[in-house]
PDBML (XML) file of the C-alpha atoms, coordinates in Angstrom:
<?xml version="1.0" encoding="UTF-8" ?>
<PDBx:datablock datablockName="MODEL"
   xmlns:PDBx="http://pdbml.pdb.org/schema/pdbx-v50.xsd"
   xmlns:xsi="http://www.w3.org/2001/XMLSchema-instance"
   xsi:schemaLocation="http://pdbml.pdb.org/schema/pdbx-v50.xsd pdbx-v50.xsd">
   <PDBx:atom_siteCategory>
      <PDBx:atom_site id="1">
         <PDBx:B_iso_or_equiv>0.00</PDBx:B_iso_or_equiv>
         <PDBx:Cartn_x>-37.592</PDBx:Cartn_x>
         <PDBx:Cartn_y>-100.339</PDBx:Cartn_y>
         <PDBx:Cartn_z>154.274</PDBx:Cartn_z>
         <PDBx:auth_asym_id>A</PDBx:auth_asym_id>
         <PDBx:auth_atom_id>CA</PDBx:auth_atom_id>
         <PDBx:auth_comp_id>LEU</PDBx:auth_comp_id>
         <PDBx:auth_seq_id>1</PDBx:auth_seq_id>
         <PDBx:group_PDB>ATOM</PDBx:group_PDB>
         <PDBx:label_alt_id xsi:nil="true" />
         <PDBx:label_asym_id>A</PDBx:label_asym_id>
         <PDBx:label_atom_id>CA</PDBx:label_atom_id>
         <PDBx:label_comp_id>LEU</PDBx:label_comp_id>
         <PDBx:label_entity_id>1</PDBx:label_entity_id>
         <PDBx:label_seq_id>1</PDBx:label_seq_id>
         <PDBx:occupancy>1.00</PDBx:occupancy>
         <PDBx:pdbx_PDB_model_num>1</PDBx:pdbx_PDB_model_num>
         <PDBx:type_symbol>C</PDBx:type_symbol>
      </PDBx:atom_site>
      <PDBx:atom_site id="2">
         <PDBx:B_iso_or_equiv>0.00</PDBx:B_iso_or_equiv>
         <PDBx:Cartn_x>-41.265</PDBx:Cartn_x>
         <PDBx:Cartn_y>-100.803</PDBx:Cartn_y>
         <PDBx:Cartn_z>155.139</PDBx:Cartn_z>
         <PDBx:auth_asym_id>A</PDBx:auth_asym_id>
         <PDBx:auth_atom_id>CA</PDBx:auth_atom_id>
         <PDBx:auth_comp_id>GLN</PDBx:auth_comp_id>
         <PDBx:auth_seq_id>2</PDBx:auth_seq_id>
         <PDBx:group_PDB>ATOM</PDBx:group_PDB>
         <PDBx:label_alt_id xsi:nil="true" />
         <PDBx:label_asym_id>A</PDBx:label_asym_id>
         <PDBx:label_atom_id>CA</PDBx:label_atom_id>
         <PDBx:label_comp_id>GLN</PDBx:label_comp_id>
         <PDBx:label_entity_id>1</PDBx:label_entity_id>
         <PDBx:label_seq_id>2</PDBx:label_seq_id>
         <PDBx:occupancy>1.00</PDBx:occupancy>
         <PDBx:pdbx_PDB_model_num>1</PDBx:pdbx_PDB_model_num>
         <PDBx:type_symbol>C</PDBx:type_symbol>
      </PDBx:atom_site>
      <PDBx:atom_site id="3">
         <PDBx:B_iso_or_equiv>0.00</PDBx:B_iso_or_equiv>
         <PDBx:Cartn_x>-41.636</PDBx:Cartn_x>
         <PDBx:Cartn_y>-103.275</PDBx:Cartn_y>
         <PDBx:Cartn_z>152.276</PDBx:Cartn_z>
         <PDBx:auth_asym_id>A</PDBx:auth_asym_id>
         <PDBx:auth_atom_id>CA</PDBx:auth_atom_id>
         <PDBx:auth_comp_id>LEU</PDBx:auth_comp_id>
         <PDBx:auth_seq_id>3</PDBx:auth_seq_id>
         <PDBx:group_PDB>ATOM</PDBx:group_PDB>
         <PDBx:label_alt_id xsi:nil="true" />
         <PDBx:label_asym_id>A</PDBx:label_asym_id>
         <PDBx:label_atom_id>CA</PDBx:label_atom_id>
         <PDBx:label_comp_id>LEU</PDBx:label_comp_id>
         <PDBx:label_entity_id>1</PDBx:label_entity_id>
         <PDBx:label_seq_id>3</PDBx:label_seq_id>
         <PDBx:occupancy>1.00</PDBx:occupancy>
         <PDBx:pdbx_PDB_model_num>1</PDBx:pdbx_PDB_model_num>
         <PDBx:type_symbol>C</PDBx:type_symbol>
      </PDBx:atom_site>
      <PDBx:atom_site id="4">
         <PDBx:B_iso_or_equiv>0.00</PDBx:B_iso_or_equiv>
         <PDBx:Cartn_x>-38.708</PDBx:Cartn_x>
         <PDBx:Cartn_y>-105.335</PDBx:Cartn_y>
         <PDBx:Cartn_z>153.617</PDBx:Cartn_z>
         <PDBx:auth_asym_id>A</PDBx:auth_asym_id>
         <PDBx:auth_atom_id>CA</PDBx:auth_atom_id>
         <PDBx:auth_comp_id>VAL</PDBx:auth_comp_id>
         <PDBx:auth_seq_id>4</PDBx:auth_seq_id>
         <PDBx:group_PDB>ATOM</PDBx:group_PDB>
         <PDBx:label_alt_id xsi:nil="true" />
         <PDBx:label_asym_id>A</PDBx:label_asym_id>
         <PDBx:label_atom_id>CA</PDBx:label_atom_id>
         <PDBx:label_comp_id>VAL</PDBx:label_comp_id>
         <PDBx:label_entity_id>1</PDBx:label_entity_id>
         <PDBx:label_seq_id>4</PDBx:label_seq_id>
         <PDBx:occupancy>1.00</PDBx:occupancy>
         <PDBx:pdbx_PDB_model_num>1</PDBx:pdbx_PDB_model_num>
         <PDBx:type_symbol>C</PDBx:type_symbol>
      </PDBx:atom_site>
      <PDBx:atom_site id="5">
         <PDBx:B_iso_or_equiv>0.00</PDBx:B_iso_or_equiv>
         <PDBx:Cartn_x>-39.974</PDBx:Cartn_x>
         <PDBx:Cartn_y>-105.245</PDBx:Cartn_y>
         <PDBx:Cartn_z>157.217</PDBx:Cartn_z>
         <PDBx:auth_asym_id>A</PDBx:auth_asym_id>
         <PDBx:auth_atom_id>CA</PDBx:auth_atom_id>
         <PDBx:auth_comp_id>LEU</PDBx:auth_comp_id>
         <PDBx:auth_seq_id>5</PDBx:auth_seq_id>
         <PDBx:group_PDB>ATOM</PDBx:group_PDB>
         <PDBx:label_alt_id xsi:nil="true" />
         <PDBx:label_asym_id>A</PDBx:label_asym_id>
         <PDBx:label_atom_id>CA</PDBx:label_atom_id>
         <PDBx:label_comp_id>LEU</PDBx:label_comp_id>
         <PDBx:label_entity_id>1</PDBx:label_entity_id>
         <PDBx:label_seq_id>5</PDBx:label_seq_id>
         <PDBx:occupancy>1.00</PDBx:occupancy>
         <PDBx:pdbx_PDB_model_num>1</PDBx:pdbx_PDB_model_num>
         <PDBx:type_symbol>C</PDBx:type_symbol>
      </PDBx:atom_site>
      <PDBx:atom_site id="6">
         <PDBx:B_iso_or_equiv>0.00</PDBx:B_iso_or_equiv>
         <PDBx:Cartn_x>-43.484</PDBx:Cartn_x>
         <PDBx:Cartn_y>-106.361</PDBx:Cartn_y>
         <PDBx:Cartn_z>156.240</PDBx:Cartn_z>
         <PDBx:auth_asym_id>A</PDBx:auth_asym_id>
         <PDBx:auth_atom_id>CA</PDBx:auth_atom_id>
         <PDBx:auth_comp_id>ILE</PDBx:auth_comp_id>
         <PDBx:auth_seq_id>6</PDBx:auth_seq_id>
         <PDBx:group_PDB>ATOM</PDBx:group_PDB>
         <PDBx:label_alt_id xsi:nil="true" />
         <PDBx:label_asym_id>A</PDBx:label_asym_id>
         <PDBx:label_atom_id>CA</PDBx:label_atom_id>
         <PDBx:label_comp_id>ILE</PDBx:label_comp_id>
         <PDBx:label_entity_id>1</PDBx:label_entity_id>
         <PDBx:label_seq_id>6</PDBx:label_seq_id>
         <PDBx:occupancy>1.00</PDBx:occupancy>
         <PDBx:pdbx_PDB_model_num>1</PDBx:pdbx_PDB_model_num>
         <PDBx:type_symbol>C</PDBx:type_symbol>
      </PDBx:atom_site>
      <PDBx:atom_site id="7">
         <PDBx:B_iso_or_equiv>0.00</PDBx:B_iso_or_equiv>
         <PDBx:Cartn_x>-42.052</PDBx:Cartn_x>
         <PDBx:Cartn_y>-109.154</PDBx:Cartn_y>
         <PDBx:Cartn_z>154.091</PDBx:Cartn_z>
         <PDBx:auth_asym_id>A</PDBx:auth_asym_id>
         <PDBx:auth_atom_id>CA</PDBx:auth_atom_id>
         <PDBx:auth_comp_id>THR</PDBx:auth_comp_id>
         <PDBx:auth_seq_id>7</PDBx:auth_seq_id>
         <PDBx:group_PDB>ATOM</PDBx:group_PDB>
         <PDBx:label_alt_id xsi:nil="true" />
         <PDBx:label_asym_id>A</PDBx:label_asym_id>
         <PDBx:label_atom_id>CA</PDBx:label_atom_id>
         <PDBx:label_comp_id>THR</PDBx:label_comp_id>
         <PDBx:label_entity_id>1</PDBx:label_entity_id>
         <PDBx:label_seq_id>7</PDBx:label_seq_id>
         <PDBx:occupancy>1.00</PDBx:occupancy>
         <PDBx:pdbx_PDB_model_num>1</PDBx:pdbx_PDB_model_num>
         <PDBx:type_symbol>C</PDBx:type_symbol>
      </PDBx:atom_site>
      <PDBx:atom_site id="8">
         <PDBx:B_iso_or_equiv>0.00</PDBx:B_iso_or_equiv>
         <PDBx:Cartn_x>-39.837</PDBx:Cartn_x>
         <PDBx:Cartn_y>-110.317</PDBx:Cartn_y>
         <PDBx:Cartn_z>156.960</PDBx:Cartn_z>
         <PDBx:auth_asym_id>A</PDBx:auth_asym_id>
         <PDBx:auth_atom_id>CA</PDBx:auth_atom_id>
         <PDBx:auth_comp_id>LEU</PDBx:auth_comp_id>
         <PDBx:auth_seq_id>8</PDBx:auth_seq_id>
         <PDBx:group_PDB>ATOM</PDBx:group_PDB>
         <PDBx:label_alt_id xsi:nil="true" />
         <PDBx:label_asym_id>A</PDBx:label_asym_id>
         <PDBx:label_atom_id>CA</PDBx:label_atom_id>
         <PDBx:label_comp_id>LEU</PDBx:label_comp_id>
         <PDBx:label_entity_id>1</PDBx:label_entity_id>
         <PDBx:label_seq_id>8</PDBx:label_seq_id>
         <PDBx:occupancy>1.00</PDBx:occupancy>
         <PDBx:pdbx_PDB_model_num>1</PDBx:pdbx_PDB_model_num>
         <PDBx:type_symbol>C</PDBx:type_symbol>
      </PDBx:atom_site>
      <PDBx:atom_site id="9">
         <PDBx:B_iso_or_equiv>0.00</PDBx:B_iso_or_equiv>
         <PDBx:Cartn_x>-42.953</PDBx:Cartn_x>
         <PDBx:Cartn_y>-110.467</PDBx:Cartn_y>
         <PDBx:Cartn_z>159.131</PDBx:Cartn_z>
         <PDBx:auth_asym_id>A</PDBx:auth_asym_id>
         <PDBx:auth_atom_id>CA</PDBx:auth_atom_id>
         <PDBx:auth_comp_id>GLY</PDBx:auth_comp_id>
         <PDBx:auth_seq_id>9</PDBx:auth_seq_id>
         <PDBx:group_PDB>ATOM</PDBx:group_PDB>
         <PDBx:label_alt_id xsi:nil="true" />
         <PDBx:label_asym_id>A</PDBx:label_asym_id>
         <PDBx:label_atom_id>CA</PDBx:label_atom_id>
         <PDBx:label_comp_id>GLY</PDBx:label_comp_id>
         <PDBx:label_entity_id>1</PDBx:label_entity_id>
         <PDBx:label_seq_id>9</PDBx:label_seq_id>
         <PDBx:occupancy>1.00</PDBx:occupancy>
         <PDBx:pdbx_PDB_model_num>1</PDBx:pdbx_PDB_model_num>
         <PDBx:type_symbol>C</PDBx:type_symbol>
      </PDBx:atom_site>
      <PDBx:atom_site id="10">
         <PDBx:B_iso_or_equiv>0.00</PDBx:B_iso_or_equiv>
         <PDBx:Cartn_x>-44.509</PDBx:Cartn_x>
         <PDBx:Cartn_y>-112.711</PDBx:Cartn_y>
         <PDBx:Cartn_z>156.486</PDBx:Cartn_z>
         <PDBx:auth_asym_id>A</PDBx:auth_asym_id>
         <PDBx:auth_atom_id>CA</PDBx:auth_atom_id>
         <PDBx:auth_comp_id>LEU</PDBx:auth_comp_id>
         <PDBx:auth_seq_id>10</PDBx:auth_seq_id>
         <PDBx:group_PDB>ATOM</PDBx:group_PDB>
         <PDBx:label_alt_id xsi:nil="true" />
         <PDBx:label_asym_id>A</PDBx:label_asym_id>
         <PDBx:label_atom_id>CA</PDBx:label_atom_id>
         <PDBx:label_comp_id>LEU</PDBx:label_comp_id>
         <PDBx:label_entity_id>1</PDBx:label_entity_id>
         <PDBx:label_seq_id>10</PDBx:label_seq_id>
         <PDBx:occupancy>1.00</PDBx:occupancy>
         <PDBx:pdbx_PDB_model_num>1</PDBx:pdbx_PDB_model_num>
         <PDBx:type_symbol>C</PDBx:type_symbol>
      </PDBx:atom_site>
      <PDBx:atom_site id="11">
         <PDBx:B_iso_or_equiv>0.00</PDBx:B_iso_or_equiv>
         <PDBx:Cartn_x>-41.414</PDBx:Cartn_x>
         <PDBx:Cartn_y>-114.930</PDBx:Cartn_y>
         <PDBx:Cartn_z>156.278</PDBx:Cartn_z>
         <PDBx:auth_asym_id>A</PDBx:auth_asym_id>
         <PDBx:auth_atom_id>CA</PDBx:auth_atom_id>
         <PDBx:auth_comp_id>LEU</PDBx:auth_comp_id>
         <PDBx:auth_seq_id>11</PDBx:auth_seq_id>
         <PDBx:group_PDB>ATOM</PDBx:group_PDB>
         <PDBx:label_alt_id xsi:nil="true" />
         <PDBx:label_asym_id>A</PDBx:label_asym_id>
         <PDBx:label_atom_id>CA</PDBx:label_atom_id>
         <PDBx:label_comp_id>LEU</PDBx:label_comp_id>
         <PDBx:label_entity_id>1</PDBx:label_entity_id>
         <PDBx:label_seq_id>11</PDBx:label_seq_id>
         <PDBx:occupancy>1.00</PDBx:occupancy>
         <PDBx:pdbx_PDB_model_num>1</PDBx:pdbx_PDB_model_num>
         <PDBx:type_symbol>C</PDBx:type_symbol>
      </PDBx:atom_site>
      <PDBx:atom_site id="12">
         <PDBx:B_iso_or_equiv>0.00</PDBx:B_iso_or_equiv>
         <PDBx:Cartn_x>-41.356</PDBx:Cartn_x>
         <PDBx:Cartn_y>-115.302</PDBx:Cartn_y>
         <PDBx:Cartn_z>160.069</PDBx:Cartn_z>
         <PDBx:auth_asym_id>A</PDBx:auth_asym_id>
         <PDBx:auth_atom_id>CA</PDBx:auth_atom_id>
         <PDBx:auth_comp_id>PHE</PDBx:auth_comp_id>
         <PDBx:auth_seq_id>12</PDBx:auth_seq_id>
         <PDBx:group_PDB>ATOM</PDBx:group_PDB>
         <PDBx:label_alt_id xsi:nil="true" />
         <PDBx:label_asym_id>A</PDBx:label_asym_id>
         <PDBx:label_atom_id>CA</PDBx:label_atom_id>
         <PDBx:label_comp_id>PHE</PDBx:label_comp_id>
         <PDBx:label_entity_id>1</PDBx:label_entity_id>
         <PDBx:label_seq_id>12</PDBx:label_seq_id>
         <PDBx:occupancy>1.00</PDBx:occupancy>
         <PDBx:pdbx_PDB_model_num>1</PDBx:pdbx_PDB_model_num>
         <PDBx:type_symbol>C</PDBx:type_symbol>
      </PDBx:atom_site>
      <PDBx:atom_site id="13">
         <PDBx:B_iso_or_equiv>0.00</PDBx:B_iso_or_equiv>
         <PDBx:Cartn_x>-44.561</PDBx:Cartn_x>
         <PDBx:Cartn_y>-117.323</PDBx:Cartn_y>
         <PDBx:Cartn_z>160.221</PDBx:Cartn_z>
         <PDBx:auth_asym_id>A</PDBx:auth_asym_id>
         <PDBx:auth_atom_id>CA</PDBx:auth_atom_id>
         <PDBx:auth_comp_id>ASN</PDBx:auth_comp_id>
         <PDBx:auth_seq_id>13</PDBx:auth_seq_id>
         <PDBx:group_PDB>ATOM</PDBx:group_PDB>
         <PDBx:label_alt_id xsi:nil="true" />
         <PDBx:label_asym_id>A</PDBx:label_asym_id>
         <PDBx:label_atom_id>CA</PDBx:label_atom_id>
         <PDBx:label_comp_id>ASN</PDBx:label_comp_id>
         <PDBx:label_entity_id>1</PDBx:label_entity_id>
         <PDBx:label_seq_id>13</PDBx:label_seq_id>
         <PDBx:occupancy>1.00</PDBx:occupancy>
         <PDBx:pdbx_PDB_model_num>1</PDBx:pdbx_PDB_model_num>
         <PDBx:type_symbol>C</PDBx:type_symbol>
      </PDBx:atom_site>
      <PDBx:atom_site id="14">
         <PDBx:B_iso_or_equiv>0.00</PDBx:B_iso_or_equiv>
         <PDBx:Cartn_x>-45.194</PDBx:Cartn_x>
         <PDBx:Cartn_y>-118.601</PDBx:Cartn_y>
         <PDBx:Cartn_z>156.701</PDBx:Cartn_z>
         <PDBx:auth_asym_id>A</PDBx:auth_asym_id>
         <PDBx:auth_atom_id>CA</PDBx:auth_atom_id>
         <PDBx:auth_comp_id>TRP</PDBx:auth_comp_id>
         <PDBx:auth_seq_id>14</PDBx:auth_seq_id>
         <PDBx:group_PDB>ATOM</PDBx:group_PDB>
         <PDBx:label_alt_id xsi:nil="true" />
         <PDBx:label_asym_id>A</PDBx:label_asym_id>
         <PDBx:label_atom_id>CA</PDBx:label_atom_id>
         <PDBx:label_comp_id>TRP</PDBx:label_comp_id>
         <PDBx:label_entity_id>1</PDBx:label_entity_id>
         <PDBx:label_seq_id>14</PDBx:label_seq_id>
         <PDBx:occupancy>1.00</PDBx:occupancy>
         <PDBx:pdbx_PDB_model_num>1</PDBx:pdbx_PDB_model_num>
         <PDBx:type_symbol>C</PDBx:type_symbol>
      </PDBx:atom_site>
      <PDBx:atom_site id="15">
         <PDBx:B_iso_or_equiv>0.00</PDBx:B_iso_or_equiv>
         <PDBx:Cartn_x>-43.604</PDBx:Cartn_x>
         <PDBx:Cartn_y>-121.572</PDBx:Cartn_y>
         <PDBx:Cartn_z>155.038</PDBx:Cartn_z>
         <PDBx:auth_asym_id>A</PDBx:auth_asym_id>
         <PDBx:auth_atom_id>CA</PDBx:auth_atom_id>
         <PDBx:auth_comp_id>ASN</PDBx:auth_comp_id>
         <PDBx:auth_seq_id>15</PDBx:auth_seq_id>
         <PDBx:group_PDB>ATOM</PDBx:group_PDB>
         <PDBx:label_alt_id xsi:nil="true" />
         <PDBx:label_asym_id>A</PDBx:label_asym_id>
         <PDBx:label_atom_id>CA</PDBx:label_atom_id>
         <PDBx:label_comp_id>ASN</PDBx:label_comp_id>
         <PDBx:label_entity_id>1</PDBx:label_entity_id>
         <PDBx:label_seq_id>15</PDBx:label_seq_id>
         <PDBx:occupancy>1.00</PDBx:occupancy>
         <PDBx:pdbx_PDB_model_num>1</PDBx:pdbx_PDB_model_num>
         <PDBx:type_symbol>C</PDBx:type_symbol>
      </PDBx:atom_site>
      <PDBx:atom_site id="16">
         <PDBx:B_iso_or_equiv>0.00</PDBx:B_iso_or_equiv>
         <PDBx:Cartn_x>-41.448</PDBx:Cartn_x>
         <PDBx:Cartn_y>-120.609</PDBx:Cartn_y>
         <PDBx:Cartn_z>152.037</PDBx:Cartn_z>
         <PDBx:auth_asym_id>A</PDBx:auth_asym_id>
         <PDBx:auth_atom_id>CA</PDBx:auth_atom_id>
         <PDBx:auth_comp_id>PHE</PDBx:auth_comp_id>
         <PDBx:auth_seq_id>16</PDBx:auth_seq_id>
         <PDBx:group_PDB>ATOM</PDBx:group_PDB>
         <PDBx:label_alt_id xsi:nil="true" />
         <PDBx:label_asym_id>A</PDBx:label_asym_id>
         <PDBx:label_atom_id>CA</PDBx:label_atom_id>
         <PDBx:label_comp_id>PHE</PDBx:label_comp_id>
         <PDBx:label_entity_id>1</PDBx:label_entity_id>
         <PDBx:label_seq_id>16</PDBx:label_seq_id>
         <PDBx:occupancy>1.00</PDBx:occupancy>
         <PDBx:pdbx_PDB_model_num>1</PDBx:pdbx_PDB_model_num>
         <PDBx:type_symbol>C</PDBx:type_symbol>
      </PDBx:atom_site>
      <PDBx:atom_site id="17">
         <PDBx:B_iso_or_equiv>0.00</PDBx:B_iso_or_equiv>
         <PDBx:Cartn_x>-39.440</PDBx:Cartn_x>
         <PDBx:Cartn_y>-123.805</PDBx:Cartn_y>
         <PDBx:Cartn_z>151.941</PDBx:Cartn_z>
         <PDBx:auth_asym_id>A</PDBx:auth_asym_id>
         <PDBx:auth_atom_id>CA</PDBx:auth_atom_id>
         <PDBx:auth_comp_id>SER</PDBx:auth_comp_id>
         <PDBx:auth_seq_id>17</PDBx:auth_seq_id>
         <PDBx:group_PDB>ATOM</PDBx:group_PDB>
         <PDBx:label_alt_id xsi:nil="true" />
         <PDBx:label_asym_id>A</PDBx:label_asym_id>
         <PDBx:label_atom_id>CA</PDBx:label_atom_id>
         <PDBx:label_comp_id>SER</PDBx:label_comp_id>
         <PDBx:label_entity_id>1</PDBx:label_entity_id>
         <PDBx:label_seq_id>17</PDBx:label_seq_id>
         <PDBx:occupancy>1.00</PDBx:occupancy>
         <PDBx:pdbx_PDB_model_num>1</PDBx:pdbx_PDB_model_num>
         <PDBx:type_symbol>C</PDBx:type_symbol>
      </PDBx:atom_site>
      <PDBx:atom_site id="18">
         <PDBx:B_iso_or_equiv>0.00</PDBx:B_iso_or_equiv>
         <PDBx:Cartn_x>-40.131</PDBx:Cartn_x>
         <PDBx:Cartn_y>-124.210</PDBx:Cartn_y>
         <PDBx:Cartn_z>148.207</PDBx:Cartn_z>
         <PDBx:auth_asym_id>A</PDBx:auth_asym_id>
         <PDBx:auth_atom_id>CA</PDBx:auth_atom_id>
         <PDBx:auth_comp_id>ASN</PDBx:auth_comp_id>
         <PDBx:auth_seq_id>18</PDBx:auth_seq_id>
         <PDBx:group_PDB>ATOM</PDBx:group_PDB>
         <PDBx:label_alt_id xsi:nil="true" />
         <PDBx:label_asym_id>A</PDBx:label_asym_id>
         <PDBx:label_atom_id>CA</PDBx:label_atom_id>
         <PDBx:label_comp_id>ASN</PDBx:label_comp_id>
         <PDBx:label_entity_id>1</PDBx:label_entity_id>
         <PDBx:label_seq_id>18</PDBx:label_seq_id>
         <PDBx:occupancy>1.00</PDBx:occupancy>
         <PDBx:pdbx_PDB_model_num>1</PDBx:pdbx_PDB_model_num>
         <PDBx:type_symbol>C</PDBx:type_symbol>
      </PDBx:atom_site>
      <PDBx:atom_site id="19">
         <PDBx:B_iso_or_equiv>0.00</PDBx:B_iso_or_equiv>
         <PDBx:Cartn_x>-37.965</PDBx:Cartn_x>
         <PDBx:Cartn_y>-121.126</PDBx:Cartn_y>
         <PDBx:Cartn_z>147.507</PDBx:Cartn_z>
         <PDBx:auth_asym_id>A</PDBx:auth_asym_id>
         <PDBx:auth_atom_id>CA</PDBx:auth_atom_id>
         <PDBx:auth_comp_id>LEU</PDBx:auth_comp_id>
         <PDBx:auth_seq_id>19</PDBx:auth_seq_id>
         <PDBx:group_PDB>ATOM</PDBx:group_PDB>
         <PDBx:label_alt_id xsi:nil="true" />
         <PDBx:label_asym_id>A</PDBx:label_asym_id>
         <PDBx:label_atom_id>CA</PDBx:label_atom_id>
         <PDBx:label_comp_id>LEU</PDBx:label_comp_id>
         <PDBx:label_entity_id>1</PDBx:label_entity_id>
         <PDBx:label_seq_id>19</PDBx:label_seq_id>
         <PDBx:occupancy>1.00</PDBx:occupancy>
         <PDBx:pdbx_PDB_model_num>1</PDBx:pdbx_PDB_model_num>
         <PDBx:type_symbol>C</PDBx:type_symbol>
      </PDBx:atom_site>
      <PDBx:atom_site id="20">
         <PDBx:B_iso_or_equiv>0.00</PDBx:B_iso_or_equiv>
         <PDBx:Cartn_x>-34.171</PDBx:Cartn_x>
         <PDBx:Cartn_y>-121.189</PDBx:Cartn_y>
         <PDBx:Cartn_z>147.625</PDBx:Cartn_z>
         <PDBx:auth_asym_id>A</PDBx:auth_asym_id>
         <PDBx:auth_atom_id>CA</PDBx:auth_atom_id>
         <PDBx:auth_comp_id>ASN</PDBx:auth_comp_id>
         <PDBx:auth_seq_id>20</PDBx:auth_seq_id>
         <PDBx:group_PDB>ATOM</PDBx:group_PDB>
         <PDBx:label_alt_id xsi:nil="true" />
         <PDBx:label_asym_id>A</PDBx:label_asym_id>
         <PDBx:label_atom_id>CA</PDBx:label_atom_id>
         <PDBx:label_comp_id>ASN</PDBx:label_comp_id>
         <PDBx:label_entity_id>1</PDBx:label_entity_id>
         <PDBx:label_seq_id>20</PDBx:label_seq_id>
         <PDBx:occupancy>1.00</PDBx:occupancy>
         <PDBx:pdbx_PDB_model_num>1</PDBx:pdbx_PDB_model_num>
         <PDBx:type_symbol>C</PDBx:type_symbol>
      </PDBx:atom_site>
      <PDBx:atom_site id="21">
         <PDBx:B_iso_or_equiv>0.00</PDBx:B_iso_or_equiv>
         <PDBx:Cartn_x>-31.798</PDBx:Cartn_x>
         <PDBx:Cartn_y>-118.284</PDBx:Cartn_y>
         <PDBx:Cartn_z>148.218</PDBx:Cartn_z>
         <PDBx:auth_asym_id>A</PDBx:auth_asym_id>
         <PDBx:auth_atom_id>CA</PDBx:auth_atom_id>
         <PDBx:auth_comp_id>GLY</PDBx:auth_comp_id>
         <PDBx:auth_seq_id>21</PDBx:auth_seq_id>
         <PDBx:group_PDB>ATOM</PDBx:group_PDB>
         <PDBx:label_alt_id xsi:nil="true" />
         <PDBx:label_asym_id>A</PDBx:label_asym_id>
         <PDBx:label_atom_id>CA</PDBx:label_atom_id>
         <PDBx:label_comp_id>GLY</PDBx:label_comp_id>
         <PDBx:label_entity_id>1</PDBx:label_entity_id>
         <PDBx:label_seq_id>21</PDBx:label_seq_id>
         <PDBx:occupancy>1.00</PDBx:occupancy>
         <PDBx:pdbx_PDB_model_num>1</PDBx:pdbx_PDB_model_num>
         <PDBx:type_symbol>C</PDBx:type_symbol>
      </PDBx:atom_site>
      <PDBx:atom_site id="22">
         <PDBx:B_iso_or_equiv>0.00</PDBx:B_iso_or_equiv>
         <PDBx:Cartn_x>-31.600</PDBx:Cartn_x>
         <PDBx:Cartn_y>-117.416</PDBx:Cartn_y>
         <PDBx:Cartn_z>144.510</PDBx:Cartn_z>
         <PDBx:auth_asym_id>A</PDBx:auth_asym_id>
         <PDBx:auth_atom_id>CA</PDBx:auth_atom_id>
         <PDBx:auth_comp_id>LEU</PDBx:auth_comp_id>
         <PDBx:auth_seq_id>22</PDBx:auth_seq_id>
         <PDBx:group_PDB>ATOM</PDBx:group_PDB>
         <PDBx:label_alt_id xsi:nil="true" />
         <PDBx:label_asym_id>A</PDBx:label_asym_id>
         <PDBx:label_atom_id>CA</PDBx:label_atom_id>
         <PDBx:label_comp_id>LEU</PDBx:label_comp_id>
         <PDBx:label_entity_id>1</PDBx:label_entity_id>
         <PDBx:label_seq_id>22</PDBx:label_seq_id>
         <PDBx:occupancy>1.00</PDBx:occupancy>
         <PDBx:pdbx_PDB_model_num>1</PDBx:pdbx_PDB_model_num>
         <PDBx:type_symbol>C</PDBx:type_symbol>
      </PDBx:atom_site>
      <PDBx:atom_site id="23">
         <PDBx:B_iso_or_equiv>0.00</PDBx:B_iso_or_equiv>
         <PDBx:Cartn_x>-35.398</PDBx:Cartn_x>
         <PDBx:Cartn_y>-117.246</PDBx:Cartn_y>
         <PDBx:Cartn_z>144.250</PDBx:Cartn_z>
         <PDBx:auth_asym_id>A</PDBx:auth_asym_id>
         <PDBx:auth_atom_id>CA</PDBx:auth_atom_id>
         <PDBx:auth_comp_id>ASP</PDBx:auth_comp_id>
         <PDBx:auth_seq_id>23</PDBx:auth_seq_id>
         <PDBx:group_PDB>ATOM</PDBx:group_PDB>
         <PDBx:label_alt_id xsi:nil="true" />
         <PDBx:label_asym_id>A</PDBx:label_asym_id>
         <PDBx:label_atom_id>CA</PDBx:label_atom_id>
         <PDBx:label_comp_id>ASP</PDBx:label_comp_id>
         <PDBx:label_entity_id>1</PDBx:label_entity_id>
         <PDBx:label_seq_id>23</PDBx:label_seq_id>
         <PDBx:occupancy>1.00</PDBx:occupancy>
         <PDBx:pdbx_PDB_model_num>1</PDBx:pdbx_PDB_model_num>
         <PDBx:type_symbol>C</PDBx:type_symbol>
      </PDBx:atom_site>
      <PDBx:atom_site id="24">
         <PDBx:B_iso_or_equiv>0.00</PDBx:B_iso_or_equiv>
         <PDBx:Cartn_x>-35.570</PDBx:Cartn_x>
         <PDBx:Cartn_y>-114.916</PDBx:Cartn_y>
         <PDBx:Cartn_z>147.249</PDBx:Cartn_z>
         <PDBx:auth_asym_id>A</PDBx:auth_asym_id>
         <PDBx:auth_atom_id>CA</PDBx:auth_atom_id>
         <PDBx:auth_comp_id>MET</PDBx:auth_comp_id>
         <PDBx:auth_seq_id>24</PDBx:auth_seq_id>
         <PDBx:group_PDB>ATOM</PDBx:group_PDB>
         <PDBx:label_alt_id xsi:nil="true" />
         <PDBx:label_asym_id>A</PDBx:label_asym_id>
         <PDBx:label_atom_id>CA</PDBx:label_atom_id>
         <PDBx:label_comp_id>MET</PDBx:label_comp_id>
         <PDBx:label_entity_id>1</PDBx:label_entity_id>
         <PDBx:label_seq_id>24</PDBx:label_seq_id>
         <PDBx:occupancy>1.00</PDBx:occupancy>
         <PDBx:pdbx_PDB_model_num>1</PDBx:pdbx_PDB_model_num>
         <PDBx:type_symbol>C</PDBx:type_symbol>
      </PDBx:atom_site>
   </PDBx:atom_siteCategory>
</PDBx:datablock>
């Protein structure tokens, strides 16, 4: 749960447009 929350914080402000849904 903490791993997911921290990662969501990263996704909120960082550009991951090079990754699609399958990559995620």
